[in-house]
C-alpha atoms as a PDB file:
ATOM      1  CA  UNK A   1     -11.006 -33.792  20.658  1.00  0.00           C
ATOM      2  CA  UNK A   2     -14.694 -33.086  20.089  1.00  0.00           C
ATOM      3  CA  UNK A   3     -15.956 -29.655  19.234  1.00  0.00           C
ATOM      4  CA  UNK A   4     -17.713 -27.837  22.057  1.00  0.00           C
ATOM      5  CA  UNK A   5     -21.321 -26.971  21.199  1.00  0.00           C
ATOM      6  CA  UNK A   6     -22.114 -23.381  20.246  1.00  0.00           C
ATOM      7  CA  UNK A   7     -24.438 -23.063  23.223  1.00  0.00           C
ATOM      8  CA  UNK A   8     -21.625 -23.831  25.655  1.00  0.00           C
ATOM      9  CA  UNK A   9     -19.220 -21.446  23.925  1.00  0.00           C
ATOM     10  CA  UNK A  10     -21.782 -18.630  23.787  1.00  0.00           C
ATOM     11  CA  UNK A  11     -22.705 -18.988  27.435  1.00  0.00           C
ATOM     12  CA  UNK A  12     -19.029 -19.012  28.429  1.00  0.00           C
ATOM     13  CA  UNK A  13     -18.361 -15.966  26.253  1.00  0.00           C
ATOM     14  CA  UNK A  14     -21.327 -14.160  27.808  1.00  0.00           C
ATOM     15  CA  UNK A  15     -19.693 -14.761  31.190  1.00  0.00           C
ATOM     16  CA  UNK A  16     -16.525 -13.090  29.904  1.00  0.00           C
ATOM     17  CA  UNK A  17     -14.485 -16.029  28.585  1.00  0.00           C
ATOM     18  CA  UNK A  18     -12.593 -14.488  25.667  1.00  0.00           C
ATOM     19  CA  UNK A  19     -11.237 -17.846  24.513  1.00  0.00           C
ATOM     20  CA  UNK A  20     -14.774 -19.108  23.940  1.00  0.00           C
ATOM     21  CA  UNK A  21     -15.611 -16.099  21.801  1.00  0.00           C
ATOM     22  CA  UNK A  22     -12.348 -16.584  19.890  1.00  0.00           C
ATOM     23  CA  UNK A  23     -13.355 -20.190  19.204  1.00  0.00           C
ATOM     24  CA  UNK A  24     -16.737 -19.033  17.892  1.00  0.00           C
ATOM     25  CA  UNK A  25     -14.961 -16.525  15.663  1.00  0.00           C
ATOM     26  CA  UNK A  26     -12.735 -19.224  14.224  1.00  0.00           C
ATOM     27  CA  UNK A  27     -15.675 -21.519  13.701  1.00  0.00           C
ATOM     28  CA  UNK A  28     -17.835 -19.008  11.837  1.00  0.00           C
ATOM     29  CA  UNK A  29     -15.343 -16.667  10.168  1.00  0.00           C
ATOM     30  CA  UNK A  30     -15.325 -18.537   6.808  1.00  0.00           C
ATOM     31  CA  UNK A  31     -19.132 -18.582   6.708  1.00  0.00           C
ATOM     32  CA  UNK A  32     -19.390 -14.876   7.505  1.00  0.00           C
ATOM     33  CA  UNK A  33     -16.823 -13.983   4.846  1.00  0.00           C
ATOM     34  CA  UNK A  34     -18.795 -16.048   2.327  1.00  0.00           C
ATOM     35  CA  UNK A  35     -22.069 -14.362   3.274  1.00  0.00           C
ATOM     36  CA  UNK A  36     -20.492 -10.917   2.971  1.00  0.00           C
ATOM     37  CA  UNK A  37     -18.723 -11.870  -0.271  1.00  0.00           C
ATOM     38  CA  UNK A  38     -22.040 -12.935  -1.784  1.00  0.00           C
ATOM     39  CA  UNK A  39     -23.396  -9.455  -1.046  1.00  0.00           C
ATOM     40  CA  UNK A  40     -20.402  -7.225  -1.759  1.00  0.00           C
ATOM     41  CA  UNK A  41     -18.605  -9.183  -4.460  1.00  0.00           C
ATOM     42  CA  UNK A  42     -15.141  -8.289  -3.159  1.00  0.00           C
ATOM     43  CA  UNK A  43     -13.230 -10.737  -0.972  1.00  0.00           C
ATOM     44  CA  UNK A  44     -11.221  -8.112   0.915  1.00  0.00           C
ATOM     45  CA  UNK A  45     -14.271  -6.019   1.716  1.00  0.00           C
ATOM     46  CA  UNK A  46     -16.090  -9.211   2.719  1.00  0.00           C
ATOM     47  CA  UNK A  47     -13.339  -9.945   5.229  1.00  0.00           C
ATOM     48  CA  UNK A  48     -13.771  -6.409   6.593  1.00  0.00           C
ATOM     49  CA  UNK A  49     -17.522  -6.956   6.907  1.00  0.00           C
ATOM     50  CA  UNK A  50     -17.016 -10.274   8.702  1.00  0.00           C
ATOM     51  CA  UNK A  51     -14.575  -8.692  11.137  1.00  0.00           C
ATOM     52  CA  UNK A  52     -16.971  -5.817  11.713  1.00  0.00           C
ATOM     53  CA  UNK A  53     -19.769  -8.327  12.377  1.00  0.00           C
ATOM     54  CA  UNK A  54     -17.669 -10.085  15.002  1.00  0.00           C
ATOM     55  CA  UNK A  55     -16.869  -6.756  16.653  1.00  0.00           C
ATOM     56  CA  UNK A  56     -20.573  -5.895  16.828  1.00  0.00           C
ATOM     57  CA  UNK A  57     -21.374  -9.397  18.076  1.00  0.00           C
ATOM     58  CA  UNK A  58     -18.771  -9.107  20.835  1.00  0.00           C
ATOM     59  CA  UNK A  59     -20.426  -5.932  22.071  1.00  0.00           C
ATOM     60  CA  UNK A  60     -23.997  -7.204  21.747  1.00  0.00           C
ATOM     61  CA  UNK A  61     -23.367 -10.778  22.923  1.00  0.00           C
ATOM     62  CA  UNK A  62     -24.920 -10.148  26.359  1.00  0.00           C
ATOM     63  CA  UNK A  63     -28.176  -9.249  24.567  1.00  0.00           C
ATOM     64  CA  UNK A  64     -28.383 -12.640  22.812  1.00  0.00           C
ATOM     65  CA  UNK A  65     -31.126 -14.553  24.630  1.00  0.00           C
ATOM     66  CA  UNK A  66     -31.035 -17.886  22.799  1.00  0.00           C
ATOM     67  CA  UNK A  67     -27.476 -19.186  22.728  1.00  0.00           C
ATOM     68  CA  UNK A  68     -28.436 -21.848  20.161  1.00  0.00           C
ATOM     69  CA  UNK A  69     -29.170 -19.142  17.599  1.00  0.00           C
ATOM     70  CA  UNK A  70     -25.705 -17.548  17.700  1.00  0.00           C
ATOM     71  CA  UNK A  71     -24.757 -18.458  14.123  1.00  0.00           C
ATOM     72  CA  UNK A  72     -27.942 -17.175  12.504  1.00  0.00           C
ATOM     73  CA  UNK A  73     -27.853 -14.050  14.732  1.00  0.00           C
ATOM     74  CA  UNK A  74     -24.273 -13.441  13.631  1.00  0.00           C
ATOM     75  CA  UNK A  75     -25.328 -13.980  10.003  1.00  0.00           C
ATOM     76  CA  UNK A  76     -27.888 -11.178  10.296  1.00  0.00           C
ATOM     77  CA  UNK A  77     -25.255  -8.862  11.764  1.00  0.00           C
ATOM     78  CA  UNK A  78     -22.856  -9.807   8.970  1.00  0.00           C
ATOM     79  CA  UNK A  79     -25.434  -9.166   6.236  1.00  0.00           C
ATOM     80  CA  UNK A  80     -26.097  -5.733   7.719  1.00  0.00           C
ATOM     81  CA  UNK A  81     -22.361  -4.977   7.865  1.00  0.00           C
ATOM     82  CA  UNK A  82     -21.879  -6.165   4.295  1.00  0.00           C
ATOM     83  CA  UNK A  83     -24.795  -4.098   3.050  1.00  0.00           C
ATOM     84  CA  UNK A  84     -23.407  -1.017   4.821  1.00  0.00           C
ATOM     85  CA  UNK A  85     -19.957  -1.535   3.344  1.00  0.00           C
ATOM     86  CA  UNK A  86     -21.458  -2.249  -0.061  1.00  0.00           C
ATOM     87  CA  UNK A  87     -23.435   0.990  -0.001  1.00  0.00           C
ATOM     88  CA  UNK A  88     -20.352   2.960   1.032  1.00  0.00           C
ATOM     89  CA  UNK A  89     -18.253   1.284  -1.648  1.00  0.00           C
ATOM     90  CA  UNK A  90     -20.922   1.974  -4.240  1.00  0.00           C
ATOM     91  CA  UNK A  91     -20.889   5.665  -3.373  1.00  0.00           C
ATOM     92  CA  UNK A  92     -17.092   5.790  -3.391  1.00  0.00           C
ATOM     93  CA  UNK A  93     -16.608   3.944  -6.674  1.00  0.00           C
ATOM     94  CA  UNK A  94     -19.916   4.865  -8.297  1.00  0.00           C
ATOM     95  CA  UNK A  95     -20.053   1.233  -9.409  1.00  0.00           C
ATOM     96  CA  UNK A  96     -22.724  -1.291  -8.509  1.00  0.00           C
ATOM     97  CA  UNK A  97     -20.543  -3.685  -6.474  1.00  0.00           C
ATOM     98  CA  UNK A  98     -23.568  -5.506  -5.085  1.00  0.00           C
ATOM     99  CA  UNK A  99     -24.563  -7.093  -8.376  1.00  0.00           C
ATOM    100  CA  UNK A 100     -21.235  -7.840 -10.068  1.00  0.00           C
ATOM    101  CA  UNK A 101     -18.606 -10.273  -8.999  1.00  0.00           C
ATOM    102  CA  UNK A 102     -15.053  -9.095  -9.613  1.00  0.00           C
ATOM    103  CA  UNK A 103     -13.296 -10.411 -12.688  1.00  0.00           C
ATOM    104  CA  UNK A 104      -9.702 -11.522 -12.487  1.00  0.00           C
ATOM    105  CA  UNK A 105      -7.123 -11.088 -15.201  1.00  0.00           C
ATOM    106  CA  UNK A 106      -6.537 -14.842 -15.406  1.00  0.00           C
ATOM    107  CA  UNK A 107     -10.258 -15.635 -15.809  1.00  0.00           C
ATOM    108  CA  UNK A 108     -11.273 -17.531 -18.906  1.00  0.00           C
ATOM    109  CA  UNK A 109     -14.465 -16.580 -20.778  1.00  0.00           C
ATOM    110  CA  UNK A 110     -16.054 -19.706 -19.226  1.00  0.00           C
ATOM    111  CA  UNK A 111     -15.191 -18.541 -15.707  1.00  0.00           C
ATOM    112  CA  UNK A 112     -16.542 -15.078 -16.431  1.00  0.00           C
ATOM    113  CA  UNK A 113     -19.797 -16.592 -17.715  1.00  0.00           C
ATOM    114  CA  UNK A 114     -20.197 -18.554 -14.471  1.00  0.00           C
ATOM    115  CA  UNK A 115     -19.487 -15.385 -12.456  1.00  0.00           C
ATOM    116  CA  UNK A 116     -22.176 -13.557 -14.406  1.00  0.00           C
ATOM    117  CA  UNK A 117     -24.606 -16.433 -13.856  1.00  0.00           C
ATOM    118  CA  UNK A 118     -23.946 -16.408 -10.108  1.00  0.00           C
ATOM    119  CA  UNK A 119     -24.271 -12.611  -9.982  1.00  0.00           C
ATOM    120  CA  UNK A 120     -27.739 -12.949 -11.526  1.00  0.00           C
ATOM    121  CA  UNK A 121     -29.021 -15.206  -8.747  1.00  0.00           C
ATOM    122  CA  UNK A 122     -31.183 -14.017  -5.886  1.00  0.00           C
ATOM    123  CA  UNK A 123     -29.215 -12.950  -2.783  1.00  0.00           C
ATOM    124  CA  UNK A 124     -30.369 -16.099  -0.948  1.00  0.00           C
ATOM    125  CA  UNK A 125     -29.185 -18.371  -3.760  1.00  0.00           C
ATOM    126  CA  UNK A 126     -25.893 -16.489  -4.065  1.00  0.00           C
ATOM    127  CA  UNK A 127     -25.291 -16.957  -0.336  1.00  0.00           C
ATOM    128  CA  UNK A 128     -25.590 -20.732  -0.438  1.00  0.00           C
ATOM    129  CA  UNK A 129     -23.458 -20.937  -3.595  1.00  0.00           C
ATOM    130  CA  UNK A 130     -20.697 -18.925  -1.937  1.00  0.00           C
ATOM    131  CA  UNK A 131     -20.891 -20.818   1.333  1.00  0.00           C
ATOM    132  CA  UNK A 132     -20.869 -24.251  -0.301  1.00  0.00           C
ATOM    133  CA  UNK A 133     -18.667 -23.876  -3.372  1.00  0.00           C
ATOM    134  CA  UNK A 134     -16.441 -20.867  -2.758  1.00  0.00           C
ATOM    135  CA  UNK A 135     -15.703 -21.685   0.879  1.00  0.00           C
ATOM    136  CA  UNK A 136     -16.479 -25.414   0.853  1.00  0.00           C
ATOM    137  CA  UNK A 137     -18.559 -25.356   4.024  1.00  0.00           C
ATOM    138  CA  UNK A 138     -20.584 -28.427   4.957  1.00  0.00           C
ATOM    139  CA  UNK A 139     -24.384 -28.274   5.012  1.00  0.00           C
ATOM    140  CA  UNK A 140     -24.420 -28.368   8.826  1.00  0.00           C
ATOM    141  CA  UNK A 141     -22.316 -25.201   9.122  1.00  0.00           C
ATOM    142  CA  UNK A 142     -24.303 -23.460   6.376  1.00  0.00           C
ATOM    143  CA  UNK A 143     -27.512 -24.405   8.165  1.00  0.00           C
ATOM    144  CA  UNK A 144     -26.313 -22.828  11.389  1.00  0.00           C
ATOM    145  CA  UNK A 145     -24.982 -19.713   9.679  1.00  0.00           C
ATOM    146  CA  UNK A 146     -28.181 -19.050   7.749  1.00  0.00           C
ATOM    147  CA  UNK A 147     -30.637 -20.355  10.324  1.00  0.00           C
ATOM    148  CA  UNK A 148     -32.368 -22.694   7.858  1.00  0.00           C
ATOM    149  CA  UNK A 149     -32.592 -26.465   7.582  1.00  0.00           C
ATOM    150  CA  UNK A 150     -30.156 -28.594   5.622  1.00  0.00           C
ATOM    151  CA  UNK A 151     -33.074 -29.623   3.377  1.00  0.00           C
ATOM    152  CA  UNK A 152     -33.730 -25.957   2.580  1.00  0.00           C
ATOM    153  CA  UNK A 153     -30.049 -25.511   1.746  1.00  0.00           C
ATOM    154  CA  UNK A 154     -30.174 -28.523  -0.557  1.00  0.00           C
ATOM    155  CA  UNK A 155     -33.214 -27.073  -2.306  1.00  0.00           C
ATOM    156  CA  UNK A 156     -31.636 -23.625  -2.698  1.00  0.00           C
ATOM    157  CA  UNK A 157     -28.446 -25.158  -4.091  1.00  0.00           C
ATOM    158  CA  UNK A 158     -30.364 -27.328  -6.542  1.00  0.00           C
ATOM    159  CA  UNK A 159     -32.441 -24.390  -7.794  1.00  0.00           C
ATOM    160  CA  UNK A 160     -29.361 -22.140  -8.003  1.00  0.00           C
ATOM    161  CA  UNK A 161     -27.466 -24.738 -10.043  1.00  0.00           C
ATOM    162  CA  UNK A 162     -30.463 -25.072 -12.362  1.00  0.00           C
ATOM    163  CA  UNK A 163     -30.523 -21.277 -12.862  1.00  0.00           C
ATOM    164  CA  UNK A 164     -26.769 -21.228 -13.539  1.00  0.00           C
ATOM    165  CA  UNK A 165     -27.121 -24.048 -16.073  1.00  0.00           C
ATOM    166  CA  UNK A 166     -30.042 -22.267 -17.737  1.00  0.00           C
ATOM    167  CA  UNK A 167     -28.022 -19.050 -17.987  1.00  0.00           C
ATOM    168  CA  UNK A 168     -25.039 -20.881 -19.462  1.00  0.00           C
ATOM    169  CA  UNK A 169     -27.213 -22.690 -22.028  1.00  0.00           C
ATOM    170  CA  UNK A 170     -28.741 -19.352 -23.069  1.00  0.00           C
ATOM    171  CA  UNK A 171     -25.218 -18.027 -23.545  1.00  0.00           C
ATOM    172  CA  UNK A 172     -23.977 -20.716 -25.888  1.00  0.00           C
ATOM    173  CA  UNK A 173     -22.741 -23.462 -23.593  1.00  0.00           C
ATOM    174  CA  UNK A 174     -23.623 -26.990 -24.660  1.00  0.00           C
ATOM    175  CA  UNK A 175     -24.722 -29.859 -22.421  1.00  0.00           C
ATOM    176  CA  UNK A 176     -21.190 -31.324 -22.555  1.00  0.00           C
ATOM    177  CA  UNK A 177     -19.758 -28.102 -21.107  1.00  0.00           C
ATOM    178  CA  UNK A 178     -22.066 -27.954 -18.088  1.00  0.00           C
END
């Protein structure tokens, strides 16, 4: 069975077809969680932000004029939700959650160094790293979610990997470890 195009799903959802909106949610949920995770740094809060973004999108869907831009429109809503949650979390915890990825008890020093390298990237670079490597999304889905070309994604990923490698080299990792 072939996947129905976003445009068709959006137009059906705008006419009140809940199943079409549910299909869009399933299609873009992983990407929205990855976008939010790249901003907040906490997977559970990222899931909350993604769900909040879908709730806002459901309400505002009739306002969307270009059904082909659903994914990038949703990405903007998700970034706003993630930033709001991040600010609230920062006030609650008095910790800068937006610039530090969470460490896990089973993390090795190597894993922690990579986390620190990723945390030091620009928000745009962090987004593509999360979407591609943390959630394993294909370039096509990332392109739709971010509203940029696949070539731009390739360039961002290449530059981000170069920055990560540079950070790791500066922190004592040899060429054979990269």
